[in-house]
PDB file of all heavy atoms in Angstrom:
ATOM      1  N   PHE A   1    -123.448 132.256  -0.892  1.00  0.00           N
ATOM      2  CA  PHE A   1    -124.305 133.206  -0.276  1.00  0.00           C
ATOM      3  C   PHE A   1    -125.545 133.364  -1.205  1.00  0.00           C
ATOM      4  O   PHE A   1    -125.338 133.442  -2.519  1.00  0.00           O
ATOM      5  CB  PHE A   1    -123.796 134.481   0.178  1.00  0.00           C
ATOM      6  CG  PHE A   1    -122.653 134.250   1.124  1.00  0.00           C
ATOM      7  CD1 PHE A   1    -121.294 134.409   0.763  1.00  0.00           C
ATOM      8  CD2 PHE A   1    -122.858 133.869   2.466  1.00  0.00           C
ATOM      9  CE1 PHE A   1    -120.263 134.222   1.631  1.00  0.00           C
ATOM     10  CE2 PHE A   1    -121.964 133.710   3.370  1.00  0.00           C
ATOM     11  CZ  PHE A   1    -120.672 133.973   2.957  1.00  0.00           C
ATOM     12  N   ASN A   2    -126.692 133.549  -0.656  1.00  0.00           N
ATOM     13  CA  ASN A   2    -127.866 133.790  -1.489  1.00  0.00           C
ATOM     14  C   ASN A   2    -127.800 135.277  -1.848  1.00  0.00           C
ATOM     15  O   ASN A   2    -127.148 136.204  -1.328  1.00  0.00           O
ATOM     16  CB  ASN A   2    -129.177 133.430  -0.873  1.00  0.00           C
ATOM     17  CG  ASN A   2    -129.642 134.305   0.357  1.00  0.00           C
ATOM     18  OD1 ASN A   2    -129.077 135.409   0.538  1.00  0.00           O
ATOM     19  ND2 ASN A   2    -130.256 133.672   1.304  1.00  0.00           N
ATOM     20  N   LYS A   3    -128.745 135.668  -2.764  1.00  0.00           N
ATOM     21  CA  LYS A   3    -128.723 137.032  -3.418  1.00  0.00           C
ATOM     22  C   LYS A   3    -129.039 138.038  -2.405  1.00  0.00           C
ATOM     23  O   LYS A   3    -128.513 139.128  -2.402  1.00  0.00           O
ATOM     24  CB  LYS A   3    -129.881 136.994  -4.508  1.00  0.00           C
ATOM     25  CG  LYS A   3    -130.060 138.373  -5.088  1.00  0.00           C
ATOM     26  CD  LYS A   3    -131.164 138.165  -6.181  1.00  0.00           C
ATOM     27  CE  LYS A   3    -131.525 139.699  -6.645  1.00  0.00           C
ATOM     28  NZ  LYS A   3    -132.902 139.676  -7.374  1.00  0.00           N
ATOM     29  N   ASP A   4    -129.965 137.870  -1.413  1.00  0.00           N
ATOM     30  CA  ASP A   4    -130.375 138.746  -0.300  1.00  0.00           C
ATOM     31  C   ASP A   4    -129.192 139.019   0.458  1.00  0.00           C
ATOM     32  O   ASP A   4    -128.974 140.325   0.923  1.00  0.00           O
ATOM     33  CB  ASP A   4    -131.584 138.246   0.511  1.00  0.00           C
ATOM     34  CG  ASP A   4    -132.799 138.086  -0.291  1.00  0.00           C
ATOM     35  OD1 ASP A   4    -133.016 138.900  -1.293  1.00  0.00           O
ATOM     36  OD2 ASP A   4    -133.678 137.263   0.081  1.00  0.00           O
ATOM     37  N   TYR A   5    -128.417 138.107   0.796  1.00  0.00           N
ATOM     38  CA  TYR A   5    -127.236 138.195   1.678  1.00  0.00           C
ATOM     39  C   TYR A   5    -126.246 139.248   0.950  1.00  0.00           C
ATOM     40  O   TYR A   5    -125.629 140.051   1.561  1.00  0.00           O
ATOM     41  CB  TYR A   5    -126.503 137.013   2.129  1.00  0.00           C
ATOM     42  CG  TYR A   5    -125.292 137.228   2.812  1.00  0.00           C
ATOM     43  CD1 TYR A   5    -125.240 137.398   4.213  1.00  0.00           C
ATOM     44  CD2 TYR A   5    -124.095 137.145   2.184  1.00  0.00           C
ATOM     45  CE1 TYR A   5    -124.112 137.673   4.954  1.00  0.00           C
ATOM     46  CE2 TYR A   5    -122.859 137.394   2.831  1.00  0.00           C
ATOM     47  CZ  TYR A   5    -122.950 137.649   4.161  1.00  0.00           C
ATOM     48  OH  TYR A   5    -121.693 137.864   4.870  1.00  0.00           O
ATOM     49  N   LEU A   6    -126.030 138.875  -0.265  1.00  0.00           N
ATOM     50  CA  LEU A   6    -124.971 139.611  -1.038  1.00  0.00           C
ATOM     51  C   LEU A   6    -125.419 141.088  -1.146  1.00  0.00           C
ATOM     52  O   LEU A   6    -124.615 141.972  -1.186  1.00  0.00           O
ATOM     53  CB  LEU A   6    -124.805 138.959  -2.350  1.00  0.00           C
ATOM     54  CG  LEU A   6    -124.089 137.591  -2.397  1.00  0.00           C
ATOM     55  CD1 LEU A   6    -124.198 137.028  -3.813  1.00  0.00           C
ATOM     56  CD2 LEU A   6    -122.705 137.726  -1.901  1.00  0.00           C
ATOM     57  N   GLU A   7    -126.723 141.209  -1.335  1.00  0.00           N
ATOM     58  CA  GLU A   7    -127.275 142.670  -1.435  1.00  0.00           C
ATOM     59  C   GLU A   7    -127.091 143.449  -0.171  1.00  0.00           C
ATOM     60  O   GLU A   7    -126.565 144.650  -0.087  1.00  0.00           O
ATOM     61  CB  GLU A   7    -128.773 142.622  -1.891  1.00  0.00           C
ATOM     62  CG  GLU A   7    -128.976 142.460  -3.357  1.00  0.00           C
ATOM     63  CD  GLU A   7    -130.443 142.307  -3.641  1.00  0.00           C
ATOM     64  OE1 GLU A   7    -131.288 142.800  -2.827  1.00  0.00           O
ATOM     65  OE2 GLU A   7    -130.780 141.874  -4.739  1.00  0.00           O
ATOM     66  N   LEU A   8    -127.407 142.649   0.963  1.00  0.00           N
ATOM     67  CA  LEU A   8    -127.164 143.302   2.246  1.00  0.00           C
ATOM     68  C   LEU A   8    -125.726 143.601   2.518  1.00  0.00           C
ATOM     69  O   LEU A   8    -125.346 144.668   3.034  1.00  0.00           O
ATOM     70  CB  LEU A   8    -127.822 142.395   3.307  1.00  0.00           C
ATOM     71  CG  LEU A   8    -127.649 142.932   4.836  1.00  0.00           C
ATOM     72  CD1 LEU A   8    -128.591 144.129   4.863  1.00  0.00           C
ATOM     73  CD2 LEU A   8    -128.251 141.833   5.689  1.00  0.00           C
ATOM     74  N   HIS A   9    -124.834 142.635   2.101  1.00  0.00           N
ATOM     75  CA  HIS A   9    -123.468 142.813   2.325  1.00  0.00           C
ATOM     76  C   HIS A   9    -122.942 144.120   1.624  1.00  0.00           C
ATOM     77  O   HIS A   9    -122.195 144.983   2.019  1.00  0.00           O
ATOM     78  CB  HIS A   9    -122.664 141.636   1.799  1.00  0.00           C
ATOM     79  CG  HIS A   9    -121.143 141.649   1.925  1.00  0.00           C
ATOM     80  ND1 HIS A   9    -120.535 141.584   3.183  1.00  0.00           N
ATOM     81  CD2 HIS A   9    -120.183 141.818   1.033  1.00  0.00           C
ATOM     82  CE1 HIS A   9    -119.235 141.836   3.036  1.00  0.00           C
ATOM     83  NE2 HIS A   9    -119.042 141.902   1.696  1.00  0.00           N
ATOM     84  N   ASN A  10    -123.365 144.296   0.312  1.00  0.00           N
ATOM     85  CA  ASN A  10    -122.996 145.365  -0.480  1.00  0.00           C
ATOM     86  C   ASN A  10    -123.466 146.726   0.061  1.00  0.00           C
ATOM     87  O   ASN A  10    -122.800 147.685   0.055  1.00  0.00           O
ATOM     88  CB  ASN A  10    -123.603 145.180  -2.042  1.00  0.00           C
ATOM     89  CG  ASN A  10    -122.825 144.118  -2.698  1.00  0.00           C
ATOM     90  OD1 ASN A  10    -121.618 143.876  -2.369  1.00  0.00           O
ATOM     91  ND2 ASN A  10    -123.377 143.591  -3.734  1.00  0.00           N
ATOM     92  N   GLU A  11    -124.690 146.803   0.669  1.00  0.00           N
ATOM     93  CA  GLU A  11    -125.318 147.829   1.237  1.00  0.00           C
ATOM     94  C   GLU A  11    -124.398 148.225   2.673  1.00  0.00           C
ATOM     95  O   GLU A  11    -124.099 149.504   2.779  1.00  0.00           O
ATOM     96  CB  GLU A  11    -126.656 147.692   1.570  1.00  0.00           C
ATOM     97  CG  GLU A  11    -127.716 147.707   0.450  1.00  0.00           C
ATOM     98  CD  GLU A  11    -129.121 147.469   0.897  1.00  0.00           C
ATOM     99  OE1 GLU A  11    -129.506 147.885   2.101  1.00  0.00           O
ATOM    100  OE2 GLU A  11    -129.782 146.840   0.138  1.00  0.00           O
ATOM    101  N   LEU A  12    -124.081 147.265   3.275  1.00  0.00           N
ATOM    102  CA  LEU A  12    -123.239 147.423   4.390  1.00  0.00           C
ATOM    103  C   LEU A  12    -121.841 148.082   4.022  1.00  0.00           C
ATOM    104  O   LEU A  12    -121.366 148.947   4.710  1.00  0.00           O
ATOM    105  CB  LEU A  12    -123.045 146.180   5.196  1.00  0.00           C
ATOM    106  CG  LEU A  12    -122.230 146.340   6.461  1.00  0.00           C
ATOM    107  CD1 LEU A  12    -122.937 147.273   7.535  1.00  0.00           C
ATOM    108  CD2 LEU A  12    -122.041 144.909   7.145  1.00  0.00           C
ATOM    109  N   ASN A  13    -121.311 147.514   2.949  1.00  0.00           N
ATOM    110  CA  ASN A  13    -119.999 148.013   2.506  1.00  0.00           C
ATOM    111  C   ASN A  13    -120.052 149.528   2.035  1.00  0.00           C
ATOM    112  O   ASN A  13    -119.237 150.439   2.305  1.00  0.00           O
ATOM    113  CB  ASN A  13    -119.450 147.245   1.512  1.00  0.00           C
ATOM    114  CG  ASN A  13    -118.798 145.983   1.929  1.00  0.00           C
ATOM    115  OD1 ASN A  13    -118.444 145.880   3.043  1.00  0.00           O
ATOM    116  ND2 ASN A  13    -118.688 145.012   1.059  1.00  0.00           N
ATOM    117  N   LYS A  14    -121.274 149.900   1.404  1.00  0.00           N
ATOM    118  CA  LYS A  14    -121.517 151.289   1.050  1.00  0.00           C
ATOM    119  C   LYS A  14    -121.614 152.137   2.202  1.00  0.00           C
ATOM    120  O   LYS A  14    -121.109 153.324   2.286  1.00  0.00           O
ATOM    121  CB  LYS A  14    -122.802 151.384   0.091  1.00  0.00           C
ATOM    122  CG  LYS A  14    -122.654 150.819  -1.291  1.00  0.00           C
ATOM    123  CD  LYS A  14    -123.908 151.055  -2.058  1.00  0.00           C
ATOM    124  CE  LYS A  14    -123.788 150.133  -3.386  1.00  0.00           C
ATOM    125  NZ  LYS A  14    -125.240 150.174  -3.967  1.00  0.00           N
ATOM    126  N   GLU A  15    -122.361 151.749   3.226  1.00  0.00           N
ATOM    127  CA  GLU A  15    -122.550 152.539   4.381  1.00  0.00           C
ATOM    128  C   GLU A  15    -121.254 152.769   5.165  1.00  0.00           C
ATOM    129  O   GLU A  15    -120.953 153.859   5.688  1.00  0.00           O
ATOM    130  CB  GLU A  15    -123.538 151.731   5.436  1.00  0.00           C
ATOM    131  CG  GLU A  15    -123.940 152.449   6.512  1.00  0.00           C
ATOM    132  CD  GLU A  15    -124.749 153.841   6.285  1.00  0.00           C
ATOM    133  OE1 GLU A  15    -125.522 153.707   5.318  1.00  0.00           O
ATOM    134  OE2 GLU A  15    -124.721 154.800   6.950  1.00  0.00           O
ATOM    135  N   ARG A  16    -120.389 151.662   5.175  1.00  0.00           N
ATOM    136  CA  ARG A  16    -119.105 151.826   5.768  1.00  0.00           C
ATOM    137  C   ARG A  16    -118.232 152.932   5.054  1.00  0.00           C
ATOM    138  O   ARG A  16    -117.448 153.677   5.581  1.00  0.00           O
ATOM    139  CB  ARG A  16    -118.276 150.442   5.720  1.00  0.00           C
ATOM    140  CG  ARG A  16    -118.765 149.574   6.798  1.00  0.00           C
ATOM    141  CD  ARG A  16    -117.960 148.401   6.762  1.00  0.00           C
ATOM    142  NE  ARG A  16    -118.481 147.329   7.723  1.00  0.00           N
ATOM    143  CZ  ARG A  16    -118.498 146.028   7.643  1.00  0.00           C
ATOM    144  NH1 ARG A  16    -118.014 145.446   6.463  1.00  0.00           N
ATOM    145  NH2 ARG A  16    -119.034 145.293   8.462  1.00  0.00           N
ATOM    146  N   GLU A  17    -118.326 152.817   3.759  1.00  0.00           N
ATOM    147  CA  GLU A  17    -117.543 153.741   2.932  1.00  0.00           C
ATOM    148  C   GLU A  17    -117.958 155.309   3.252  1.00  0.00           C
ATOM    149  O   GLU A  17    -117.262 156.178   3.327  1.00  0.00           O
ATOM    150  CB  GLU A  17    -117.822 153.600   1.356  1.00  0.00           C
ATOM    151  CG  GLU A  17    -117.074 154.553   0.483  1.00  0.00           C
ATOM    152  CD  GLU A  17    -117.500 154.470  -1.004  1.00  0.00           C
ATOM    153  OE1 GLU A  17    -118.128 153.561  -1.340  1.00  0.00           O
ATOM    154  OE2 GLU A  17    -116.883 155.256  -1.736  1.00  0.00           O
ATOM    155  N   ILE A  18    -119.391 155.465   3.210  1.00  0.00           N
ATOM    156  CA  ILE A  18    -119.858 156.736   3.518  1.00  0.00           C
ATOM    157  C   ILE A  18    -119.426 157.215   4.941  1.00  0.00           C
ATOM    158  O   ILE A  18    -119.120 158.263   5.185  1.00  0.00           O
ATOM    159  CB  ILE A  18    -121.420 156.651   3.526  1.00  0.00           C
ATOM    160  CG1 ILE A  18    -121.904 156.585   2.145  1.00  0.00           C
ATOM    161  CG2 ILE A  18    -122.081 157.913   4.124  1.00  0.00           C
ATOM    162  CD1 ILE A  18    -123.398 156.172   1.916  1.00  0.00           C
ATOM    163  N   ASP A  19    -119.499 156.282   5.921  1.00  0.00           N
ATOM    164  CA  ASP A  19    -119.042 156.566   7.254  1.00  0.00           C
ATOM    165  C   ASP A  19    -117.553 156.977   7.244  1.00  0.00           C
ATOM    166  O   ASP A  19    -117.167 157.735   8.157  1.00  0.00           O
ATOM    167  CB  ASP A  19    -119.311 155.358   8.195  1.00  0.00           C
ATOM    168  CG  ASP A  19    -120.730 155.223   8.617  1.00  0.00           C
ATOM    169  OD1 ASP A  19    -121.514 156.130   8.372  1.00  0.00           O
ATOM    170  OD2 ASP A  19    -121.098 154.127   9.153  1.00  0.00           O
ATOM    171  N   SER A  20    -116.812 156.336   6.458  1.00  0.00           N
ATOM    172  CA  SER A  20    -115.328 156.676   6.458  1.00  0.00           C
ATOM    173  C   SER A  20    -115.147 158.074   5.871  1.00  0.00           C
ATOM    174  O   SER A  20    -114.043 158.760   6.191  1.00  0.00           O
ATOM    175  CB  SER A  20    -114.527 155.679   5.672  1.00  0.00           C
ATOM    176  OG  SER A  20    -114.727 155.760   4.372  1.00  0.00           O
ATOM    177  N   ILE A  21    -116.018 158.568   5.074  1.00  0.00           N
ATOM    178  CA  ILE A  21    -115.897 159.875   4.366  1.00  0.00           C
ATOM    179  C   ILE A  21    -116.462 160.968   5.280  1.00  0.00           C
ATOM    180  O   ILE A  21    -115.904 162.084   5.533  1.00  0.00           O
ATOM    181  CB  ILE A  21    -116.500 159.853   2.956  1.00  0.00           C
ATOM    182  CG1 ILE A  21    -115.707 158.920   2.063  1.00  0.00           C
ATOM    183  CG2 ILE A  21    -116.477 161.273   2.354  1.00  0.00           C
ATOM    184  CD1 ILE A  21    -116.413 158.725   0.821  1.00  0.00           C
ATOM    185  N   LEU A  22    -117.826 160.770   5.701  1.00  0.00           N
ATOM    186  CA  LEU A  22    -118.469 161.710   6.394  1.00  0.00           C
ATOM    187  C   LEU A  22    -118.132 161.682   7.937  1.00  0.00           C
ATOM    188  O   LEU A  22    -118.940 161.172   8.662  1.00  0.00           O
ATOM    189  CB  LEU A  22    -120.087 161.468   6.242  1.00  0.00           C
ATOM    190  CG  LEU A  22    -120.556 161.648   4.684  1.00  0.00           C
ATOM    191  CD1 LEU A  22    -122.029 161.490   4.757  1.00  0.00           C
ATOM    192  CD2 LEU A  22    -120.123 163.006   4.173  1.00  0.00           C
ATOM    193  N   THR A  23    -117.059 162.276   8.282  1.00  0.00           N
ATOM    194  CA  THR A  23    -116.705 162.363   9.734  1.00  0.00           C
ATOM    195  C   THR A  23    -116.978 163.747  10.181  1.00  0.00           C
ATOM    196  O   THR A  23    -117.263 164.656   9.354  1.00  0.00           O
ATOM    197  CB  THR A  23    -115.228 162.043   9.798  1.00  0.00           C
ATOM    198  OG1 THR A  23    -114.493 163.056   9.130  1.00  0.00           O
ATOM    199  CG2 THR A  23    -114.855 160.642   9.317  1.00  0.00           C
ATOM    200  N   GLU A  24    -116.812 163.837  11.567  1.00  0.00           N
ATOM    201  CA  GLU A  24    -116.985 165.301  12.006  1.00  0.00           C
ATOM    202  C   GLU A  24    -115.975 166.176  11.520  1.00  0.00           C
ATOM    203  O   GLU A  24    -116.255 167.458  11.328  1.00  0.00           O
ATOM    204  CB  GLU A  24    -117.104 165.186  13.634  1.00  0.00           C
ATOM    205  CG  GLU A  24    -118.313 164.542  14.242  1.00  0.00           C
ATOM    206  CD  GLU A  24    -119.628 165.221  13.841  1.00  0.00           C
ATOM    207  OE1 GLU A  24    -119.653 166.415  13.696  1.00  0.00           O
ATOM    208  OE2 GLU A  24    -120.623 164.428  13.606  1.00  0.00           O
ATOM    209  N   ASP A  25    -114.696 165.699  11.381  1.00  0.00           N
ATOM    210  CA  ASP A  25    -113.664 166.577  10.888  1.00  0.00           C
ATOM    211  C   ASP A  25    -114.036 167.084   9.452  1.00  0.00           C
ATOM    212  O   ASP A  25    -113.855 168.147   9.096  1.00  0.00           O
ATOM    213  CB  ASP A  25    -112.307 165.715  10.859  1.00  0.00           C
ATOM    214  CG  ASP A  25    -111.794 165.619  12.189  1.00  0.00           C
ATOM    215  OD1 ASP A  25    -112.165 166.409  13.138  1.00  0.00           O
ATOM    216  OD2 ASP A  25    -110.994 164.799  12.477  1.00  0.00           O
ATOM    217  N   PHE A  26    -114.543 166.084   8.704  1.00  0.00           N
ATOM    218  CA  PHE A  26    -114.947 166.473   7.206  1.00  0.00           C
ATOM    219  C   PHE A  26    -116.048 167.496   7.300  1.00  0.00           C
ATOM    220  O   PHE A  26    -115.968 168.454   6.536  1.00  0.00           O
ATOM    221  CB  PHE A  26    -115.545 165.118   6.578  1.00  0.00           C
ATOM    222  CG  PHE A  26    -116.138 165.435   5.209  1.00  0.00           C
ATOM    223  CD1 PHE A  26    -115.265 165.487   4.142  1.00  0.00           C
ATOM    224  CD2 PHE A  26    -117.532 165.637   5.071  1.00  0.00           C
ATOM    225  CE1 PHE A  26    -115.825 165.876   2.852  1.00  0.00           C
ATOM    226  CE2 PHE A  26    -118.033 165.966   3.859  1.00  0.00           C
ATOM    227  CZ  PHE A  26    -117.159 166.051   2.741  1.00  0.00           C
ATOM    228  N   CYS A  27    -116.967 167.337   8.247  1.00  0.00           N
ATOM    229  CA  CYS A  27    -118.136 168.283   8.298  1.00  0.00           C
ATOM    230  C   CYS A  27    -117.709 169.709   8.664  1.00  0.00           C
ATOM    231  O   CYS A  27    -118.250 170.703   8.197  1.00  0.00           O
ATOM    232  CB  CYS A  27    -119.203 167.840   9.361  1.00  0.00           C
ATOM    233  SG  CYS A  27    -120.077 166.349   8.794  1.00  0.00           S
ATOM    234  N   ARG A  28    -116.668 169.903   9.398  1.00  0.00           N
ATOM    235  CA  ARG A  28    -115.932 171.133   9.766  1.00  0.00           C
ATOM    236  C   ARG A  28    -115.458 171.839   8.524  1.00  0.00           C
ATOM    237  O   ARG A  28    -115.501 173.083   8.425  1.00  0.00           O
ATOM    238  CB  ARG A  28    -115.011 171.045  10.963  1.00  0.00           C
ATOM    239  CG  ARG A  28    -115.524 170.839  12.187  1.00  0.00           C
ATOM    240  CD  ARG A  28    -114.540 171.050  13.328  1.00  0.00           C
ATOM    241  NE  ARG A  28    -113.835 169.775  13.525  1.00  0.00           N
ATOM    242  CZ  ARG A  28    -114.236 168.779  14.322  1.00  0.00           C
ATOM    243  NH1 ARG A  28    -115.373 168.758  14.865  1.00  0.00           N
ATOM    244  NH2 ARG A  28    -113.406 167.737  14.517  1.00  0.00           N
ATOM    245  N   LEU A  29    -115.043 171.046   7.565  1.00  0.00           N
ATOM    246  CA  LEU A  29    -114.544 171.594   6.364  1.00  0.00           C
ATOM    247  C   LEU A  29    -115.523 171.906   5.174  1.00  0.00           C
ATOM    248  O   LEU A  29    -115.137 172.640   4.389  1.00  0.00           O
ATOM    249  CB  LEU A  29    -113.607 170.471   5.682  1.00  0.00           C
ATOM    250  CG  LEU A  29    -112.226 170.135   6.592  1.00  0.00           C
ATOM    251  CD1 LEU A  29    -111.611 169.033   5.841  1.00  0.00           C
ATOM    252  CD2 LEU A  29    -111.432 171.385   6.739  1.00  0.00           C
ATOM    253  N   VAL A  30    -116.764 171.452   5.506  1.00  0.00           N
ATOM    254  CA  VAL A  30    -117.813 171.606   4.452  1.00  0.00           C
ATOM    255  C   VAL A  30    -118.152 173.181   4.472  1.00  0.00           C
ATOM    256  O   VAL A  30    -118.499 173.646   5.506  1.00  0.00           O
ATOM    257  CB  VAL A  30    -118.995 170.753   4.653  1.00  0.00           C
ATOM    258  CG1 VAL A  30    -120.123 171.103   3.743  1.00  0.00           C
ATOM    259  CG2 VAL A  30    -118.583 169.280   4.483  1.00  0.00           C
ATOM    260  N   ASN A  31    -118.292 173.740   3.293  1.00  0.00           N
ATOM    261  CA  ASN A  31    -118.751 175.134   3.168  1.00  0.00           C
ATOM    262  C   ASN A  31    -120.319 175.202   3.248  1.00  0.00           C
ATOM    263  O   ASN A  31    -120.901 174.588   2.370  1.00  0.00           O
ATOM    264  CB  ASN A  31    -118.211 175.692   1.889  1.00  0.00           C
ATOM    265  CG  ASN A  31    -118.517 177.161   1.695  1.00  0.00           C
ATOM    266  OD1 ASN A  31    -119.342 177.727   2.431  1.00  0.00           O
ATOM    267  ND2 ASN A  31    -117.823 177.804   0.678  1.00  0.00           N
ATOM    268  N   LYS A  32    -120.753 175.807   4.288  1.00  0.00           N
ATOM    269  CA  LYS A  32    -122.155 175.958   4.551  1.00  0.00           C
ATOM    270  C   LYS A  32    -122.858 176.586   3.320  1.00  0.00           C
ATOM    271  O   LYS A  32    -124.034 176.392   3.032  1.00  0.00           O
ATOM    272  CB  LYS A  32    -122.537 176.788   5.719  1.00  0.00           C
ATOM    273  CG  LYS A  32    -122.645 175.907   7.032  1.00  0.00           C
ATOM    274  CD  LYS A  32    -123.265 176.659   8.150  1.00  0.00           C
ATOM    275  CE  LYS A  32    -122.784 178.086   8.418  1.00  0.00           C
ATOM    276  NZ  LYS A  32    -123.224 178.595   9.663  1.00  0.00           N
ATOM    277  N   ARG A  33    -122.120 177.465   2.733  1.00  0.00           N
ATOM    278  CA  ARG A  33    -122.743 178.282   1.546  1.00  0.00           C
ATOM    279  C   ARG A  33    -123.088 177.344   0.343  1.00  0.00           C
ATOM    280  O   ARG A  33    -123.677 177.724  -0.667  1.00  0.00           O
ATOM    281  CB  ARG A  33    -121.717 179.365   1.105  1.00  0.00           C
ATOM    282  CG  ARG A  33    -121.643 180.379   2.138  1.00  0.00           C
ATOM    283  CD  ARG A  33    -120.856 181.609   1.701  1.00  0.00           C
ATOM    284  NE  ARG A  33    -120.650 182.481   2.810  1.00  0.00           N
ATOM    285  CZ  ARG A  33    -119.465 183.012   3.151  1.00  0.00           C
ATOM    286  NH1 ARG A  33    -118.344 182.572   2.493  1.00  0.00           N
ATOM    287  NH2 ARG A  33    -119.328 183.741   4.263  1.00  0.00           N
ATOM    288  N   LYS A  34    -122.478 176.108   0.360  1.00  0.00           N
ATOM    289  CA  LYS A  34    -122.730 175.210  -0.736  1.00  0.00           C
ATOM    290  C   LYS A  34    -123.898 174.279  -0.321  1.00  0.00           C
ATOM    291  O   LYS A  34    -124.725 173.794  -1.179  1.00  0.00           O
ATOM    292  CB  LYS A  34    -121.563 174.232  -0.944  1.00  0.00           C
ATOM    293  CG  LYS A  34    -120.283 175.050  -1.360  1.00  0.00           C
ATOM    294  CD  LYS A  34    -120.357 175.334  -2.831  1.00  0.00           C
ATOM    295  CE  LYS A  34    -118.996 175.894  -3.406  1.00  0.00           C
ATOM    296  NZ  LYS A  34    -118.890 175.863  -4.678  1.00  0.00           N
ATOM    297  N   VAL A  35    -124.036 174.014   0.960  1.00  0.00           N
ATOM    298  CA  VAL A  35    -125.120 173.106   1.427  1.00  0.00           C
ATOM    299  C   VAL A  35    -126.451 173.849   1.479  1.00  0.00           C
ATOM    300  O   VAL A  35    -127.538 173.223   1.182  1.00  0.00           O
ATOM    301  CB  VAL A  35    -124.737 172.572   2.800  1.00  0.00           C
ATOM    302  CG1 VAL A  35    -125.806 171.621   3.351  1.00  0.00           C
ATOM    303  CG2 VAL A  35    -123.483 171.676   2.672  1.00  0.00           C
ATOM    304  N   ILE A  36    -126.479 175.021   1.972  1.00  0.00           N
ATOM    305  CA  ILE A  36    -127.754 175.814   2.134  1.00  0.00           C
ATOM    306  C   ILE A  36    -128.514 175.923   0.768  1.00  0.00           C
ATOM    307  O   ILE A  36    -129.676 175.591   0.760  1.00  0.00           O
ATOM    308  CB  ILE A  36    -127.425 177.120   2.759  1.00  0.00           C
ATOM    309  CG1 ILE A  36    -126.926 177.000   4.266  1.00  0.00           C
ATOM    310  CG2 ILE A  36    -128.628 178.044   2.817  1.00  0.00           C
ATOM    311  CD1 ILE A  36    -126.331 178.228   4.778  1.00  0.00           C
TER     312      ILE A  36
END
């Protein structure tokens, strides 16, 4: 694969990792007092 494809593939994997962590259930556990 060329460099552009590999970069896009890596970005997609990062996005999948983020999506697996940032779920609605996770958001209910987040302390608003830390985010504000």
